[in-house]
Amino acid sequence: MAKVTLDRLRKVYPNGYVGVDDATFDIGDGELLVLVGPSGCGKSTLLRMIAGLETITSGELRIGDRVVNDMAPKDRDIAMVFQSYALYPHMTVAENLGFGLKLRGASKDEVARRVRESAQMLELEPLLDRKPAALSGGQRQRVALGRALVRQPQVFLLDEPLSNLDAKLRASTRVEIARLHRKLGTTMIYVTHDQVEAMTLGQRIVVLDKGRIQQIDTPMGLYNRPANLFVATFLGSPKMNVLSGEVVANGDGLSLRISDNVDLPLHPEPELHERVRGHVGKQLTIGLRPEDFTLAAPGPGHLQARVETVEPVGNEAFLNLDSGGRELVVRLPPRSLPVAGDLVHLGHNPEHMHYFDAESGRSLRA
């Protein structure tokens, strides 16, 4: 196990494109940290820099006590699991698991012992004599994990390892990876574009966009206190509802005028009150999670919306709404639901509002 330290890491390609810019953070010894963001955000580039598969333009990378900027991948004591399983089709599961150890000169008994331990941990024992063509996608991914596991590296790097699996297998394999991490206590860095994977797996999450780190926090820290509008709308499914308007003062109170006849009451906590009041007469963006809306009777401060579609998904339902050209999503219990075409009125929980500067997108909490 080892701590990994990134100090102002930067990757600039020959054409001038900046793939990663000023990445600075630590991954704790034994931590499972997730890098997440949309396609092209730099997460896989950053992982490949840690692996030694991409050169580092500037900055310093340490694994344990060693600076590894110019160290070959094979000398970094890391193991990588890719999106593609990359198994040898002519080898059995046991041979695939032990091949890397053989290349490193491990004894036959040592290879057999480590293969047996990894197969037992990943429940691959009944499959050791099979070849990859006879395995399901989930089984192949477990073999790929096992091949990394037998190496007993200081750091595991996982690059979107579940992308090729169907939804059911992704969920079950995600649980297996979390269980494996608890058993091993090994440092793991996991890359995904799937925010559900990020939220359920990561002890901490690094959110990236356009090569820059947007925020680093625990899953619920990111969900409850996003640093900016990008993080707020990227994490959460369905995503956060966003409304913009002019802040107006009503005596001691504040509201957001989102149309000529709709003022949403604002009740920022004391620490934010003066910052929000500083936007009186200016534009402000607010965010509300789907669960923070409720169906309500017509009244002041309530939004009127037309139901476009209703999506019941078992223990909850999602209403997709149109409110004066603004698309909203509301999460409700699956009881007494309206139907498409109905006109509804929405109340909201003002204590759960998120406030963002309309120009920069930064949270007013920052």
Protein backbone atom coordinates (compact mmCIF):
# COMPACT_ATOMS: atom_id res chain seq x y z
CA MET A 1 0.00 0.00 0.00
CA ALA A 2 1.18 3.55 -0.64
CA LYS A 3 0.16 7.17 -0.57
CA VAL A 4 0.07 8.89 -3.97
CA THR A 5 0.84 12.61 -4.18
CA LEU A 6 0.20 14.84 -7.20
CA ASP A 7 1.82 18.26 -7.07
CA ARG A 8 0.78 20.66 -9.87
CA LEU A 9 0.72 17.93 -12.51
CA ARG A 10 0.25 19.25 -16.04
CA LYS A 11 -0.08 17.55 -19.41
CA VAL A 12 0.28 19.61 -22.60
CA TYR A 13 0.23 17.84 -25.97
CA PRO A 14 2.45 18.88 -28.91
CA ASN A 15 -0.48 20.70 -30.56
CA GLY A 16 -0.84 22.89 -27.47
CA TYR A 17 -3.93 21.17 -26.07
CA VAL A 18 -3.91 21.09 -22.26
CA GLY A 19 -5.16 17.67 -21.16
CA VAL A 20 -4.59 18.18 -17.43
CA ASP A 21 -3.87 21.49 -15.74
CA ASP A 22 -2.49 21.98 -12.21
CA ALA A 23 -3.70 18.72 -10.62
CA THR A 24 -2.75 18.86 -6.95
CA PHE A 25 -4.08 16.40 -4.35
CA ASP A 26 -3.15 13.35 -2.24
CA ILE A 27 -4.60 9.85 -2.36
CA GLY A 28 -4.31 8.38 1.11
CA ASP A 29 -2.68 5.05 1.87
CA GLY A 30 -5.50 2.48 1.41
CA GLU A 31 -8.01 5.01 0.06
CA LEU A 32 -10.41 4.35 -2.82
CA LEU A 33 -10.50 7.62 -4.74
CA VAL A 34 -12.63 8.17 -7.86
CA LEU A 35 -11.84 10.49 -10.77
CA VAL A 36 -15.09 11.48 -12.48
CA GLY A 37 -16.19 13.85 -15.21
CA PRO A 38 -17.58 13.95 -18.74
CA SER A 39 -15.74 12.65 -21.80
CA GLY A 40 -12.62 14.69 -22.51
CA CYS A 41 -12.33 16.09 -18.98
CA GLY A 42 -8.83 14.65 -18.42
CA LYS A 43 -9.61 11.84 -15.98
CA SER A 44 -8.13 9.00 -18.07
CA THR A 45 -5.16 11.17 -19.03
CA LEU A 46 -4.48 11.79 -15.34
CA LEU A 47 -4.71 8.07 -14.58
CA ARG A 48 -2.33 7.26 -17.44
CA MET A 49 0.14 9.83 -16.10
CA ILE A 50 0.08 8.03 -12.74
CA ALA A 51 0.56 4.71 -14.55
CA GLY A 52 3.47 6.04 -16.61
CA LEU A 53 1.64 5.62 -19.91
CA GLU A 54 1.58 9.40 -20.50
CA THR A 55 4.57 11.65 -19.99
CA ILE A 56 4.24 14.44 -17.43
CA THR A 57 4.80 17.91 -18.87
CA SER A 58 5.43 19.53 -15.49
CA GLY A 59 4.80 18.95 -11.80
CA GLU A 60 5.77 16.10 -9.51
CA LEU A 61 4.23 12.66 -8.94
CA ARG A 62 5.15 10.56 -5.91
CA ILE A 63 4.11 7.00 -5.09
CA GLY A 64 5.06 6.36 -1.51
CA ASP A 65 8.38 8.12 -0.95
CA ARG A 66 9.54 7.87 -4.57
CA VAL A 67 9.31 10.54 -7.25
CA VAL A 68 8.22 8.51 -10.29
CA ASN A 69 7.96 11.14 -13.05
CA ASP A 70 10.61 9.46 -15.18
CA MET A 71 10.19 5.91 -13.86
CA ALA A 72 9.05 3.18 -16.27
CA PRO A 73 5.53 1.78 -15.67
CA LYS A 74 6.90 -1.65 -14.71
CA ASP A 75 8.98 -0.10 -11.91
CA ARG A 76 6.15 1.89 -10.30
CA ASP A 77 4.63 -1.11 -8.48
CA ILE A 78 1.14 -0.44 -9.80
CA ALA A 79 -1.43 -2.69 -11.49
CA MET A 80 -3.97 -1.42 -14.00
CA VAL A 81 -7.39 -2.75 -15.02
CA PHE A 82 -8.68 -1.40 -18.32
CA GLN A 83 -12.14 -1.00 -19.85
CA SER A 84 -11.31 -3.84 -22.24
CA TYR A 85 -10.56 -7.09 -20.42
CA ALA A 86 -7.40 -7.73 -22.51
CA LEU A 87 -7.35 -11.43 -21.62
CA TYR A 88 -5.28 -13.90 -23.60
CA PRO A 89 -7.89 -15.99 -25.48
CA HIS A 90 -5.68 -19.10 -25.82
CA MET A 91 -4.97 -19.27 -22.07
CA THR A 92 -7.15 -20.64 -19.28
CA VAL A 93 -8.32 -18.42 -16.44
CA ALA A 94 -5.55 -19.80 -14.22
CA GLU A 95 -2.92 -19.10 -16.88
CA ASN A 96 -4.25 -15.57 -17.43
CA LEU A 97 -4.12 -14.90 -13.70
CA GLY A 98 -0.56 -16.13 -13.31
CA PHE A 99 1.00 -14.91 -16.55
CA GLY A 100 2.29 -11.60 -15.20
CA LEU A 101 3.92 -13.32 -12.24
CA LYS A 102 5.66 -15.79 -14.54
CA LEU A 103 7.07 -12.91 -16.57
CA ARG A 104 8.48 -11.45 -13.35
CA GLY A 105 10.25 -14.70 -12.57
CA ALA A 106 8.09 -15.90 -9.68
CA SER A 107 8.46 -19.54 -8.77
CA LYS A 108 5.88 -22.09 -9.85
CA ASP A 109 4.72 -22.60 -6.25
CA GLU A 110 4.43 -18.83 -5.68
CA VAL A 111 2.38 -18.39 -8.86
CA ALA A 112 0.07 -21.27 -7.89
CA ARG A 113 -0.41 -19.88 -4.36
CA ARG A 114 -1.25 -16.34 -5.47
CA VAL A 115 -3.54 -17.55 -8.26
CA ARG A 116 -5.39 -19.77 -5.78
CA GLU A 117 -5.79 -16.91 -3.27
CA SER A 118 -7.05 -14.47 -5.91
CA ALA A 119 -9.44 -17.02 -7.42
CA GLN A 120 -10.88 -17.73 -3.98
CA MET A 121 -11.35 -14.03 -3.20
CA LEU A 122 -13.10 -13.37 -6.53
CA GLU A 123 -15.04 -16.67 -6.58
CA LEU A 124 -13.25 -17.82 -9.73
CA GLU A 125 -12.23 -21.28 -8.48
CA PRO A 126 -14.82 -23.19 -10.58
CA LEU A 127 -13.66 -21.32 -13.70
CA LEU A 128 -9.88 -21.82 -13.52
CA ASP A 129 -9.76 -24.36 -16.37
CA ARG A 130 -12.00 -22.36 -18.72
CA LYS A 131 -10.85 -20.05 -21.47
CA PRO A 132 -12.18 -16.47 -21.84
CA ALA A 133 -14.58 -17.41 -24.67
CA ALA A 134 -16.49 -19.62 -22.21
CA LEU A 135 -16.98 -16.81 -19.66
CA SER A 136 -19.63 -14.14 -19.27
CA GLY A 137 -18.71 -10.46 -19.36
CA GLY A 138 -18.83 -10.22 -15.58
CA GLN A 139 -16.62 -13.27 -15.18
CA ARG A 140 -14.08 -11.88 -17.65
CA GLN A 141 -13.95 -8.63 -15.71
CA ARG A 142 -13.33 -10.55 -12.50
CA VAL A 143 -10.45 -12.36 -14.19
CA ALA A 144 -9.03 -8.98 -15.26
CA LEU A 145 -9.30 -7.80 -11.64
CA GLY A 146 -7.73 -11.02 -10.43
CA ARG A 147 -4.79 -10.67 -12.81
CA ALA A 148 -4.05 -7.27 -11.22
CA LEU A 149 -4.70 -8.64 -7.74
CA VAL A 150 -2.10 -11.44 -7.92
CA ARG A 151 0.59 -8.81 -8.47
CA GLN A 152 -0.02 -7.44 -4.94
CA PRO A 153 0.86 -3.90 -6.09
CA GLN A 154 1.07 -0.76 -3.97
CA VAL A 155 -1.62 0.94 -6.08
CA PHE A 156 -4.51 -0.30 -8.22
CA LEU A 157 -5.56 1.85 -11.19
CA LEU A 158 -8.98 1.09 -12.69
CA ASP A 159 -9.94 2.81 -15.95
CA GLU A 160 -13.72 2.53 -16.49
CA PRO A 161 -13.61 -1.23 -15.78
CA LEU A 162 -17.40 -1.69 -15.85
CA SER A 163 -18.25 0.15 -19.07
CA ASN A 164 -18.60 -3.03 -21.14
CA LEU A 165 -21.05 -4.68 -18.72
CA ASP A 166 -24.83 -4.51 -18.79
CA ALA A 167 -26.68 -2.63 -16.03
CA LYS A 168 -27.22 -5.66 -13.76
CA LEU A 169 -23.61 -6.82 -14.04
CA ARG A 170 -22.32 -3.28 -13.46
CA ALA A 171 -24.23 -3.12 -10.18
CA SER A 172 -23.04 -6.52 -8.94
CA THR A 173 -19.41 -5.99 -10.03
CA ARG A 174 -19.42 -2.55 -8.40
CA VAL A 175 -20.32 -4.24 -5.11
CA GLU A 176 -17.52 -6.78 -5.66
CA ILE A 177 -14.96 -4.00 -6.19
CA ALA A 178 -16.06 -2.24 -3.00
CA ARG A 179 -15.89 -5.54 -1.08
CA LEU A 180 -12.47 -6.28 -2.55
CA HIS A 181 -11.17 -2.89 -1.47
CA ARG A 182 -12.39 -3.45 2.09
CA LYS A 183 -10.63 -6.83 2.22
CA LEU A 184 -7.33 -5.65 0.74
CA GLY A 185 -7.09 -2.11 2.09
CA THR A 186 -5.02 -1.27 -0.99
CA THR A 187 -4.83 2.22 -2.51
CA MET A 188 -7.20 2.34 -5.50
CA ILE A 189 -7.73 5.07 -8.08
CA TYR A 190 -10.89 4.51 -10.11
CA VAL A 191 -11.87 6.42 -13.27
CA THR A 192 -15.47 6.62 -14.46
CA HIS A 193 -17.85 8.94 -16.31
CA ASP A 194 -20.78 7.39 -14.42
CA GLN A 195 -21.70 9.58 -11.46
CA VAL A 196 -23.64 6.72 -9.81
CA GLU A 197 -20.47 4.60 -9.79
CA ALA A 198 -18.53 7.55 -8.42
CA MET A 199 -21.02 8.23 -5.63
CA THR A 200 -21.36 4.60 -4.54
CA LEU A 201 -17.69 3.57 -4.74
CA GLY A 202 -15.56 6.55 -3.85
CA GLN A 203 -14.46 7.40 -0.33
CA ARG A 204 -13.55 10.70 -1.95
CA ILE A 205 -14.28 11.97 -5.45
CA VAL A 206 -12.27 14.28 -7.70
CA VAL A 207 -14.57 16.04 -10.18
CA LEU A 208 -12.84 17.23 -13.36
CA ASP A 209 -13.94 19.35 -16.30
CA LYS A 210 -11.83 20.53 -19.23
CA GLY A 211 -8.65 19.29 -17.59
CA ARG A 212 -9.12 21.17 -14.32
CA ILE A 213 -10.19 19.97 -10.90
CA GLN A 214 -13.57 21.44 -9.96
CA GLN A 215 -13.92 19.99 -6.46
CA ILE A 216 -12.62 17.21 -4.21
CA ASP A 217 -14.84 15.92 -1.42
CA THR A 218 -16.76 12.94 -0.07
CA PRO A 219 -19.77 11.80 -2.15
CA MET A 220 -22.32 13.46 0.13
CA GLY A 221 -20.12 16.52 0.56
CA LEU A 222 -20.25 17.04 -3.20
CA TYR A 223 -23.98 16.38 -3.32
CA ASN A 224 -24.89 18.71 -0.47
CA ARG A 225 -22.29 21.45 -0.93
CA PRO A 226 -21.24 21.64 -4.60
CA ALA A 227 -18.57 24.27 -5.24
CA ASN A 228 -20.05 25.41 -8.53
CA LEU A 229 -22.90 24.89 -10.98
CA PHE A 230 -20.98 22.28 -12.98
CA VAL A 231 -20.52 19.99 -9.97
CA ALA A 232 -24.10 20.62 -8.85
CA THR A 233 -25.61 19.53 -12.15
CA PHE A 234 -23.14 16.74 -12.92
CA LEU A 235 -23.68 14.79 -9.69
CA GLY A 236 -27.17 13.57 -8.92
CA SER A 237 -29.67 11.59 -10.95
CA PRO A 238 -31.92 13.15 -12.09
CA LYS A 239 -29.77 16.25 -12.13
CA MET A 240 -30.41 19.40 -10.11
CA ASN A 241 -33.12 21.79 -11.34
CA VAL A 242 -31.69 25.21 -12.17
CA LEU A 243 -33.65 28.49 -12.20
CA SER A 244 -32.37 32.00 -12.83
CA GLY A 245 -33.86 35.40 -12.16
CA GLU A 246 -33.43 38.77 -10.49
CA VAL A 247 -33.09 39.02 -6.73
CA VAL A 248 -35.69 41.42 -5.26
CA ALA A 249 -36.05 42.69 -1.70
CA ASN A 250 -39.40 42.53 0.10
CA GLY A 251 -38.73 44.38 3.35
CA ASP A 252 -36.39 42.08 5.26
CA GLY A 253 -37.17 39.18 2.94
CA LEU A 254 -35.69 38.21 -0.41
CA SER A 255 -37.14 36.49 -3.44
CA LEU A 256 -36.08 35.45 -6.93
CA ARG A 257 -38.20 36.94 -9.71
CA ILE A 258 -38.15 34.28 -12.42
CA SER A 259 -41.05 35.73 -14.42
CA ASP A 260 -43.42 38.70 -14.32
CA ASN A 261 -45.84 36.94 -11.98
CA VAL A 262 -43.65 34.45 -10.10
CA ASP A 263 -41.37 35.33 -7.18
CA LEU A 264 -39.72 32.41 -5.43
CA PRO A 265 -39.07 33.09 -1.72
CA LEU A 266 -35.42 32.87 -0.73
CA HIS A 267 -34.48 31.91 2.79
CA PRO A 268 -30.68 31.65 2.84
CA GLU A 269 -29.13 30.63 6.13
CA PRO A 270 -27.61 33.49 8.15
CA GLU A 271 -24.09 32.90 6.80
CA LEU A 272 -25.34 33.39 3.24
CA HIS A 273 -27.97 36.07 3.78
CA GLU A 274 -25.70 39.05 3.16
CA ARG A 275 -24.14 37.46 0.06
CA VAL A 276 -27.56 36.83 -1.44
CA ARG A 277 -28.73 40.32 -0.45
CA GLY A 278 -25.69 41.67 -2.28
CA HIS A 279 -27.33 40.39 -5.50
CA VAL A 280 -30.47 42.53 -5.13
CA GLY A 281 -31.21 43.98 -8.55
CA LYS A 282 -28.83 41.47 -10.14
CA GLN A 283 -29.19 38.02 -11.68
CA LEU A 284 -28.80 34.95 -9.49
CA THR A 285 -29.01 31.24 -10.25
CA ILE A 286 -30.54 28.82 -7.76
CA GLY A 287 -30.61 25.04 -7.75
CA LEU A 288 -33.09 22.60 -6.23
CA ARG A 289 -32.78 18.83 -6.22
CA PRO A 290 -35.80 16.90 -7.58
CA GLU A 291 -36.63 15.69 -4.06
CA ASP A 292 -36.84 19.27 -2.74
CA PHE A 293 -40.02 20.05 -4.69
CA THR A 294 -43.48 19.06 -3.48
CA LEU A 295 -46.94 19.17 -5.05
CA ALA A 296 -48.85 22.07 -3.50
CA ALA A 297 -52.06 24.08 -3.75
CA PRO A 298 -51.97 27.26 -5.84
CA GLY A 299 -50.47 30.10 -3.85
CA PRO A 300 -47.82 32.82 -3.64
CA GLY A 301 -44.34 31.57 -4.34
CA HIS A 302 -45.51 28.34 -5.95
CA LEU A 303 -44.46 27.41 -9.45
CA GLN A 304 -47.07 26.38 -11.99
CA ALA A 305 -46.05 23.62 -14.40
CA ARG A 306 -47.52 21.25 -16.97
CA VAL A 307 -46.79 17.53 -16.64
CA GLU A 308 -44.99 16.27 -19.75
CA THR A 309 -44.29 12.68 -18.71
CA VAL A 310 -44.53 10.53 -15.59
CA GLU A 311 -41.82 7.92 -14.95
CA PRO A 312 -42.76 5.44 -12.21
CA VAL A 313 -39.70 3.39 -11.24
CA GLY A 314 -41.06 1.35 -8.33
CA ASN A 315 -40.46 3.02 -4.98
CA GLU A 316 -40.50 6.52 -6.51
CA ALA A 317 -41.66 8.40 -9.57
CA PHE A 318 -40.22 11.24 -11.62
CA LEU A 319 -42.39 14.00 -13.07
CA ASN A 320 -40.93 15.75 -16.11
CA LEU A 321 -42.51 19.20 -16.18
CA ASP A 322 -42.64 22.35 -18.28
CA SER A 323 -42.86 25.57 -16.31
CA GLY A 324 -43.01 28.53 -18.66
CA GLY A 325 -40.44 26.96 -20.99
CA ARG A 326 -38.24 25.77 -18.11
CA GLU A 327 -37.73 22.02 -17.82
CA LEU A 328 -38.05 20.66 -14.29
CA VAL A 329 -37.84 17.17 -12.77
CA VAL A 330 -39.58 16.32 -9.49
CA ARG A 331 -39.08 13.13 -7.44
CA LEU A 332 -42.22 11.94 -5.63
CA PRO A 333 -43.52 8.88 -3.78
CA PRO A 334 -45.47 6.67 -6.25
CA ARG A 335 -48.90 7.52 -4.83
CA SER A 336 -51.74 9.61 -6.30
CA LEU A 337 -49.62 10.80 -9.18
CA PRO A 338 -50.80 13.32 -11.76
CA VAL A 339 -50.89 12.28 -15.42
CA ALA A 340 -49.38 13.79 -18.55
CA GLY A 341 -51.13 17.05 -19.42
CA ASP A 342 -52.14 17.91 -15.85
CA LEU A 343 -51.41 21.38 -14.50
CA VAL A 344 -49.67 21.20 -11.11
CA HIS A 345 -48.31 23.67 -8.57
CA LEU A 346 -44.98 23.17 -6.87
CA GLY A 347 -43.84 24.17 -3.44
CA HIS A 348 -40.19 23.86 -2.50
CA ASN A 349 -37.93 23.56 0.51
CA PRO A 350 -36.09 26.91 0.63
CA GLU A 351 -33.63 25.57 3.22
CA HIS A 352 -32.25 23.19 0.60
CA MET A 353 -31.68 25.82 -2.09
CA HIS A 354 -28.25 26.17 -3.64
CA TYR A 355 -27.13 29.67 -4.68
CA PHE A 356 -24.75 30.32 -7.58
CA ASP A 357 -23.30 33.47 -9.08
CA ALA A 358 -25.03 33.89 -12.46
CA GLU A 359 -21.80 34.86 -14.26
CA SER A 360 -19.11 32.59 -12.78
CA GLY A 361 -21.32 29.70 -11.68
CA ARG A 362 -19.49 29.59 -8.33
CA SER A 363 -21.48 28.70 -5.25
CA LEU A 364 -22.09 31.61 -2.89
CA ARG A 365 -20.99 29.24 -0.11
CA ALA A 366 -17.43 29.20 -1.49
